[in-house]
Amino acid sequence: MDFAFMFIPSEAIYYDLLINKVGAVQVNTRDLVEYAFKDKKVIIVSPTSFLAYLQTGPAGTASDADRRVCQRDKSQH
């Protein structure tokens, strides 16, 4: 899965991004974080959340690799 992190160095600005909406028409608005992730594959992170994402990223990658190895081993037997 390809994605990028967008680091916001201020918790206050990050919070502002979380609560604001994107779009001019009230019916068609959604939050910026959802737009960035779903449409642009960008994960917006703050100083607090960045470390958590960095720590869970390798764990998720490792578990995916382990799952593929297990599936490959099962198909060979």
PDB file of N, CA and C in Angstrom:
ATOM      1  N   MET A   1       0.839  -1.165   0.000  1.00  0.00           N
ATOM      2  CA  MET A   1       0.000   0.000   0.000  1.00  0.00           C
ATOM      3  C   MET A   1       0.892   1.238   0.000  1.00  0.00           C
ATOM      4  N   ASP A   2       0.698   2.105  -0.951  1.00  0.00           N
ATOM      5  CA  ASP A   2       1.469   3.328  -1.052  1.00  0.00           C
ATOM      6  C   ASP A   2       0.725   4.474  -0.387  1.00  0.00           C
ATOM      7  N   PHE A   3       1.418   5.176   0.473  1.00  0.00           N
ATOM      8  CA  PHE A   3       0.845   6.344   1.121  1.00  0.00           C
ATOM      9  C   PHE A   3       1.979   7.240   1.588  1.00  0.00           C
ATOM     10  N   ALA A   4       1.634   8.443   1.994  1.00  0.00           N
ATOM     11  CA  ALA A   4       2.612   9.391   2.513  1.00  0.00           C
ATOM     12  C   ALA A   4       2.086   9.992   3.810  1.00  0.00           C
ATOM     13  N   PHE A   5       3.003  10.424   4.653  1.00  0.00           N
ATOM     14  CA  PHE A   5       2.650  11.153   5.861  1.00  0.00           C
ATOM     15  C   PHE A   5       2.790  12.645   5.594  1.00  0.00           C
ATOM     16  N   MET A   6       1.845  13.432   6.103  1.00  0.00           N
ATOM     17  CA  MET A   6       1.977  14.881   6.095  1.00  0.00           C
ATOM     18  C   MET A   6       2.069  15.304   7.553  1.00  0.00           C
ATOM     19  N   PHE A   7       3.258  15.717   7.962  1.00  0.00           N
ATOM     20  CA  PHE A   7       3.515  16.065   9.351  1.00  0.00           C
ATOM     21  C   PHE A   7       3.118  17.511   9.624  1.00  0.00           C
ATOM     22  N   ILE A   8       2.220  17.687  10.586  1.00  0.00           N
ATOM     23  CA  ILE A   8       1.814  19.014  11.044  1.00  0.00           C
ATOM     24  C   ILE A   8       2.508  19.219  12.393  1.00  0.00           C
ATOM     25  N   PRO A   9       3.478  20.144  12.486  1.00  0.00           N
ATOM     26  CA  PRO A   9       4.297  20.255  13.696  1.00  0.00           C
ATOM     27  C   PRO A   9       3.618  20.919  14.900  1.00  0.00           C
ATOM     28  N   SER A  10       2.347  21.215  14.794  1.00  0.00           N
ATOM     29  CA  SER A  10       1.632  21.869  15.891  1.00  0.00           C
ATOM     30  C   SER A  10       0.341  21.110  16.183  1.00  0.00           C
ATOM     31  N   GLU A  11       0.162  20.732  17.447  1.00  0.00           N
ATOM     32  CA  GLU A  11      -1.064  20.032  17.837  1.00  0.00           C
ATOM     33  C   GLU A  11      -2.300  20.898  17.606  1.00  0.00           C
ATOM     34  N   ALA A  12      -2.187  22.209  17.836  1.00  0.00           N
ATOM     35  CA  ALA A  12      -3.332  23.110  17.664  1.00  0.00           C
ATOM     36  C   ALA A  12      -3.767  23.168  16.201  1.00  0.00           C
ATOM     37  N   ILE A  13      -2.822  23.251  15.291  1.00  0.00           N
ATOM     38  CA  ILE A  13      -3.158  23.276  13.858  1.00  0.00           C
ATOM     39  C   ILE A  13      -3.718  21.929  13.432  1.00  0.00           C
ATOM     40  N   TYR A  14      -3.135  20.843  13.926  1.00  0.00           N
ATOM     41  CA  TYR A  14      -3.647  19.502  13.621  1.00  0.00           C
ATOM     42  C   TYR A  14      -5.097  19.364  14.080  1.00  0.00           C
ATOM     43  N   TYR A  15      -5.386  19.822  15.291  1.00  0.00           N
ATOM     44  CA  TYR A  15      -6.753  19.765  15.804  1.00  0.00           C
ATOM     45  C   TYR A  15      -7.695  20.568  14.914  1.00  0.00           C
ATOM     46  N   ASP A  16      -7.252  21.731  14.459  1.00  0.00           N
ATOM     47  CA  ASP A  16      -8.062  22.557  13.574  1.00  0.00           C
ATOM     48  C   ASP A  16      -8.369  21.810  12.276  1.00  0.00           C
ATOM     49  N   LEU A  17      -7.400  21.086  11.754  1.00  0.00           N
ATOM     50  CA  LEU A  17      -7.632  20.290  10.540  1.00  0.00           C
ATOM     51  C   LEU A  17      -8.651  19.190  10.781  1.00  0.00           C
ATOM     52  N   LEU A  18      -8.636  18.612  11.980  1.00  0.00           N
ATOM     53  CA  LEU A  18      -9.575  17.536  12.305  1.00  0.00           C
ATOM     54  C   LEU A  18     -11.019  18.008  12.352  1.00  0.00           C
ATOM     55  N   ILE A  19     -11.237  19.241  12.803  1.00  0.00           N
ATOM     56  CA  ILE A  19     -12.622  19.684  12.992  1.00  0.00           C
ATOM     57  C   ILE A  19     -13.183  20.468  11.814  1.00  0.00           C
ATOM     58  N   ASN A  20     -12.359  20.906  10.893  1.00  0.00           N
ATOM     59  CA  ASN A  20     -12.850  21.675   9.752  1.00  0.00           C
ATOM     60  C   ASN A  20     -13.259  20.772   8.601  1.00  0.00           C
ATOM     61  N   LYS A  21     -14.079  21.296   7.727  1.00  0.00           N
ATOM     62  CA  LYS A  21     -14.610  20.546   6.592  1.00  0.00           C
ATOM     63  C   LYS A  21     -14.033  21.066   5.285  1.00  0.00           C
ATOM     64  N   VAL A  22     -14.061  20.206   4.263  1.00  0.00           N
ATOM     65  CA  VAL A  22     -13.611  20.566   2.926  1.00  0.00           C
ATOM     66  C   VAL A  22     -14.826  20.580   2.026  1.00  0.00           C
ATOM     67  N   GLY A  23     -14.991  21.623   1.219  1.00  0.00           N
ATOM     68  CA  GLY A  23     -16.125  21.707   0.306  1.00  0.00           C
ATOM     69  C   GLY A  23     -16.933  22.967   0.546  1.00  0.00           C
ATOM     70  N   ALA A  24     -17.489  23.508  -0.516  1.00  0.00           N
ATOM     71  CA  ALA A  24     -18.230  24.765  -0.414  1.00  0.00           C
ATOM     72  C   ALA A  24     -19.697  24.539  -0.057  1.00  0.00           C
ATOM     73  N   VAL A  25     -20.275  23.467  -0.544  1.00  0.00           N
ATOM     74  CA  VAL A  25     -21.689  23.192  -0.306  1.00  0.00           C
ATOM     75  C   VAL A  25     -21.813  22.334   0.945  1.00  0.00           C
ATOM     76  N   GLN A  26     -22.686  22.720   1.849  1.00  0.00           N
ATOM     77  CA  GLN A  26     -22.810  22.027   3.130  1.00  0.00           C
ATOM     78  C   GLN A  26     -23.145  20.543   2.965  1.00  0.00           C
ATOM     79  N   VAL A  27     -23.896  20.181   1.955  1.00  0.00           N
ATOM     80  CA  VAL A  27     -24.280  18.788   1.740  1.00  0.00           C
ATOM     81  C   VAL A  27     -23.082  17.950   1.306  1.00  0.00           C
ATOM     82  N   ASN A  28     -22.123  18.564   0.629  1.00  0.00           N
ATOM     83  CA  ASN A  28     -21.006  17.842   0.037  1.00  0.00           C
ATOM     84  C   ASN A  28     -19.707  18.000   0.835  1.00  0.00           C
ATOM     85  N   THR A  29     -19.785  18.362   2.091  1.00  0.00           N
ATOM     86  CA  THR A  29     -18.574  18.553   2.870  1.00  0.00           C
ATOM     87  C   THR A  29     -18.151  17.253   3.537  1.00  0.00           C
ATOM     88  N   ARG A  30     -16.877  17.148   3.784  1.00  0.00           N
ATOM     89  CA  ARG A  30     -16.329  16.046   4.573  1.00  0.00           C
ATOM     90  C   ARG A  30     -15.044  16.543   5.209  1.00  0.00           C
ATOM     91  N   ASP A  31     -14.546  15.812   6.180  1.00  0.00           N
ATOM     92  CA  ASP A  31     -13.381  16.336   6.867  1.00  0.00           C
ATOM     93  C   ASP A  31     -12.115  16.152   6.030  1.00  0.00           C
ATOM     94  N   LEU A  32     -11.158  17.024   6.276  1.00  0.00           N
ATOM     95  CA  LEU A  32      -9.927  17.053   5.501  1.00  0.00           C
ATOM     96  C   LEU A  32      -9.111  15.783   5.661  1.00  0.00           C
ATOM     97  N   VAL A  33      -9.127  15.212   6.849  1.00  0.00           N
ATOM     98  CA  VAL A  33      -8.366  13.990   7.103  1.00  0.00           C
ATOM     99  C   VAL A  33      -8.896  12.842   6.247  1.00  0.00           C
ATOM    100  N   GLU A  34     -10.213  12.721   6.161  1.00  0.00           N
ATOM    101  CA  GLU A  34     -10.826  11.678   5.326  1.00  0.00           C
ATOM    102  C   GLU A  34     -10.497  11.911   3.850  1.00  0.00           C
ATOM    103  N   TYR A  35     -10.616  13.134   3.391  1.00  0.00           N
ATOM    104  CA  TYR A  35     -10.294  13.478   2.004  1.00  0.00           C
ATOM    105  C   TYR A  35      -8.839  13.137   1.680  1.00  0.00           C
ATOM    106  N   ALA A  36      -7.935  13.530   2.564  1.00  0.00           N
ATOM    107  CA  ALA A  36      -6.508  13.278   2.327  1.00  0.00           C
ATOM    108  C   ALA A  36      -6.224  11.792   2.234  1.00  0.00           C
ATOM    109  N   PHE A  37      -6.814  11.009   3.134  1.00  0.00           N
ATOM    110  CA  PHE A  37      -6.518   9.580   3.154  1.00  0.00           C
ATOM    111  C   PHE A  37      -7.187   8.831   2.008  1.00  0.00           C
ATOM    112  N   LYS A  38      -8.473   9.033   1.822  1.00  0.00           N
ATOM    113  CA  LYS A  38      -9.210   8.263   0.817  1.00  0.00           C
ATOM    114  C   LYS A  38      -8.874   8.667  -0.613  1.00  0.00           C
ATOM    115  N   ASP A  39      -8.764   9.963  -0.863  1.00  0.00           N
ATOM    116  CA  ASP A  39      -8.550  10.426  -2.232  1.00  0.00           C
ATOM    117  C   ASP A  39      -7.078  10.584  -2.605  1.00  0.00           C
ATOM    118  N   LYS A  40      -6.268  10.979  -1.652  1.00  0.00           N
ATOM    119  CA  LYS A  40      -4.869  11.314  -1.953  1.00  0.00           C
ATOM    120  C   LYS A  40      -3.857  10.355  -1.349  1.00  0.00           C
ATOM    121  N   LYS A  41      -4.318   9.410  -0.508  1.00  0.00           N
ATOM    122  CA  LYS A  41      -3.449   8.457   0.174  1.00  0.00           C
ATOM    123  C   LYS A  41      -2.376   9.151   1.009  1.00  0.00           C
ATOM    124  N   VAL A  42      -2.821  10.178   1.737  1.00  0.00           N
ATOM    125  CA  VAL A  42      -1.951  10.934   2.623  1.00  0.00           C
ATOM    126  C   VAL A  42      -2.513  10.825   4.037  1.00  0.00           C
ATOM    127  N   ILE A  43      -1.665  10.452   4.981  1.00  0.00           N
ATOM    128  CA  ILE A  43      -2.056  10.375   6.382  1.00  0.00           C
ATOM    129  C   ILE A  43      -1.516  11.621   7.074  1.00  0.00           C
ATOM    130  N   ILE A  44      -2.426  12.460   7.570  1.00  0.00           N
ATOM    131  CA  ILE A  44      -2.028  13.676   8.257  1.00  0.00           C
ATOM    132  C   ILE A  44      -1.734  13.320   9.713  1.00  0.00           C
ATOM    133  N   VAL A  45      -0.532  13.674  10.178  1.00  0.00           N
ATOM    134  CA  VAL A  45      -0.115  13.312  11.532  1.00  0.00           C
ATOM    135  C   VAL A  45       0.376  14.531  12.295  1.00  0.00           C
ATOM    136  N   SER A  46       0.259  14.445  13.607  1.00  0.00           N
ATOM    137  CA  SER A  46       0.744  15.481  14.520  1.00  0.00           C
ATOM    138  C   SER A  46       1.969  14.937  15.245  1.00  0.00           C
ATOM    139  N   PRO A  47       2.629  15.745  16.064  1.00  0.00           N
ATOM    140  CA  PRO A  47       3.761  15.217  16.824  1.00  0.00           C
ATOM    141  C   PRO A  47       3.372  14.009  17.693  1.00  0.00           C
ATOM    142  N   THR A  48       2.174  14.043  18.250  1.00  0.00           N
ATOM    143  CA  THR A  48       1.724  12.943  19.105  1.00  0.00           C
ATOM    144  C   THR A  48       1.386  11.687  18.300  1.00  0.00           C
ATOM    145  N   SER A  49       0.680  11.835  17.199  1.00  0.00           N
ATOM    146  CA  SER A  49       0.232  10.662  16.438  1.00  0.00           C
ATOM    147  C   SER A  49       1.312  10.097  15.517  1.00  0.00           C
ATOM    148  N   PHE A  50       2.311  10.889  15.159  1.00  0.00           N
ATOM    149  CA  PHE A  50       3.334  10.437  14.218  1.00  0.00           C
ATOM    150  C   PHE A  50       4.100   9.231  14.748  1.00  0.00           C
ATOM    151  N   LEU A  51       4.504   9.277  16.006  1.00  0.00           N
ATOM    152  CA  LEU A  51       5.247   8.163  16.588  1.00  0.00           C
ATOM    153  C   LEU A  51       4.407   6.893  16.596  1.00  0.00           C
ATOM    154  N   ALA A  52       3.135   7.015  16.910  1.00  0.00           N
ATOM    155  CA  ALA A  52       2.254   5.846  16.919  1.00  0.00           C
ATOM    156  C   ALA A  52       2.165   5.219  15.533  1.00  0.00           C
ATOM    157  N   TYR A  53       2.039   6.044  14.498  1.00  0.00           N
ATOM    158  CA  TYR A  53       1.995   5.522  13.129  1.00  0.00           C
ATOM    159  C   TYR A  53       3.307   4.851  12.750  1.00  0.00           C
ATOM    160  N   LEU A  54       4.415   5.436  13.152  1.00  0.00           N
ATOM    161  CA  LEU A  54       5.716   4.843  12.838  1.00  0.00           C
ATOM    162  C   LEU A  54       5.910   3.495  13.532  1.00  0.00           C
ATOM    163  N   GLN A  55       5.396   3.377  14.744  1.00  0.00           N
ATOM    164  CA  GLN A  55       5.541   2.122  15.478  1.00  0.00           C
ATOM    165  C   GLN A  55       4.619   1.029  14.955  1.00  0.00           C
ATOM    166  N   THR A  56       3.437   1.389  14.503  1.00  0.00           N
ATOM    167  CA  THR A  56       2.499   0.373  14.018  1.00  0.00           C
ATOM    168  C   THR A  56       2.773  -0.004  12.561  1.00  0.00           C
ATOM    169  N   GLY A  57       3.414   0.866  11.802  1.00  0.00           N
ATOM    170  CA  GLY A  57       3.714   0.576  10.404  1.00  0.00           C
ATOM    171  C   GLY A  57       4.552  -0.679  10.219  1.00  0.00           C
ATOM    172  N   PRO A  58       5.719  -0.776  10.870  1.00  0.00           N
ATOM    173  CA  PRO A  58       6.531  -1.989  10.722  1.00  0.00           C
ATOM    174  C   PRO A  58       5.831  -3.242  11.245  1.00  0.00           C
ATOM    175  N   ALA A  59       5.045  -3.109  12.304  1.00  0.00           N
ATOM    176  CA  ALA A  59       4.322  -4.266  12.837  1.00  0.00           C
ATOM    177  C   ALA A  59       3.300  -4.763  11.827  1.00  0.00           C
ATOM    178  N   GLY A  60       2.588  -3.836  11.195  1.00  0.00           N
ATOM    179  CA  GLY A  60       1.614  -4.221  10.175  1.00  0.00           C
ATOM    180  C   GLY A  60       2.285  -4.842   8.964  1.00  0.00           C
ATOM    181  N   THR A  61       3.405  -4.289   8.555  1.00  0.00           N
ATOM    182  CA  THR A  61       4.148  -4.838   7.422  1.00  0.00           C
ATOM    183  C   THR A  61       4.667  -6.230   7.747  1.00  0.00           C
ATOM    184  N   ALA A  62       5.179  -6.404   8.961  1.00  0.00           N
ATOM    185  CA  ALA A  62       5.697  -7.708   9.363  1.00  0.00           C
ATOM    186  C   ALA A  62       4.583  -8.747   9.413  1.00  0.00           C
ATOM    187  N   SER A  63       3.420  -8.380   9.932  1.00  0.00           N
ATOM    188  CA  SER A  63       2.330  -9.350  10.008  1.00  0.00           C
ATOM    189  C   SER A  63       1.826  -9.710   8.610  1.00  0.00           C
ATOM    190  N   ASP A  64       1.815  -8.757   7.688  1.00  0.00           N
ATOM    191  CA  ASP A  64       1.447  -9.068   6.304  1.00  0.00           C
ATOM    192  C   ASP A  64       2.440 -10.036   5.680  1.00  0.00           C
ATOM    193  N   ALA A  65       3.719  -9.801   5.928  1.00  0.00           N
ATOM    194  CA  ALA A  65       4.749 -10.694   5.387  1.00  0.00           C
ATOM    195  C   ALA A  65       4.619 -12.079   5.999  1.00  0.00           C
ATOM    196  N   ASP A  66       4.380 -12.166   7.300  1.00  0.00           N
ATOM    197  CA  ASP A  66       4.197 -13.456   7.968  1.00  0.00           C
ATOM    198  C   ASP A  66       2.995 -14.198   7.396  1.00  0.00           C
ATOM    199  N   ARG A  67       1.915 -13.470   7.150  1.00  0.00           N
ATOM    200  CA  ARG A  67       0.709 -14.091   6.603  1.00  0.00           C
ATOM    201  C   ARG A  67       0.980 -14.654   5.210  1.00  0.00           C
ATOM    202  N   ARG A  68       1.705 -13.903   4.381  1.00  0.00           N
ATOM    203  CA  ARG A  68       2.015 -14.393   3.034  1.00  0.00           C
ATOM    204  C   ARG A  68       2.905 -15.626   3.074  1.00  0.00           C
ATOM    205  N   VAL A  69       3.862 -15.661   3.989  1.00  0.00           N
ATOM    206  CA  VAL A  69       4.736 -16.825   4.124  1.00  0.00           C
ATOM    207  C   VAL A  69       3.927 -18.038   4.552  1.00  0.00           C
ATOM    208  N   CYS A  70       3.021 -17.853   5.504  1.00  0.00           N
ATOM    209  CA  CYS A  70       2.182 -18.957   5.962  1.00  0.00           C
ATOM    210  C   CYS A  70       1.295 -19.477   4.820  1.00  0.00           C
ATOM    211  N   GLN A  71       0.711 -18.573   4.044  1.00  0.00           N
ATOM    212  CA  GLN A  71      -0.117 -18.993   2.917  1.00  0.00           C
ATOM    213  C   GLN A  71       0.711 -19.745   1.884  1.00  0.00           C
ATOM    214  N   ARG A  72       1.906 -19.269   1.622  1.00  0.00           N
ATOM    215  CA  ARG A  72       2.783 -19.938   0.651  1.00  0.00           C
ATOM    216  C   ARG A  72       3.145 -21.331   1.144  1.00  0.00           C
ATOM    217  N   ASP A  73       3.485 -21.455   2.441  1.00  0.00           N
ATOM    218  CA  ASP A  73       3.858 -22.749   3.009  1.00  0.00           C
ATOM    219  C   ASP A  73       2.690 -23.733   2.954  1.00  0.00           C
ATOM    220  N   LYS A  74       1.477 -23.257   3.223  1.00  0.00           N
ATOM    221  CA  LYS A  74       0.303 -24.125   3.181  1.00  0.00           C
ATOM    222  C   LYS A  74       0.046 -24.629   1.753  1.00  0.00           C
ATOM    223  N   SER A  75       0.261 -23.762   0.772  1.00  0.00           N
ATOM    224  CA  SER A  75       0.002 -24.161  -0.611  1.00  0.00           C
ATOM    225  C   SER A  75       1.054 -25.140  -1.130  1.00  0.00           C
ATOM    226  N   GLN A  76       2.227 -25.162  -0.524  1.00  0.00           N
ATOM    227  CA  GLN A  76       3.279 -26.073  -0.971  1.00  0.00           C
ATOM    228  C   GLN A  76       3.118 -27.460  -0.397  1.00  0.00           C
ATOM    229  N   HIS A  77       2.331 -27.624   0.672  1.00  0.00           N
ATOM    230  CA  HIS A  77       2.168 -28.952   1.307  1.00  0.00           C
ATOM    231  C   HIS A  77       0.901 -29.601   0.887  1.00  0.00           C
TER     232      HIS A  77
END
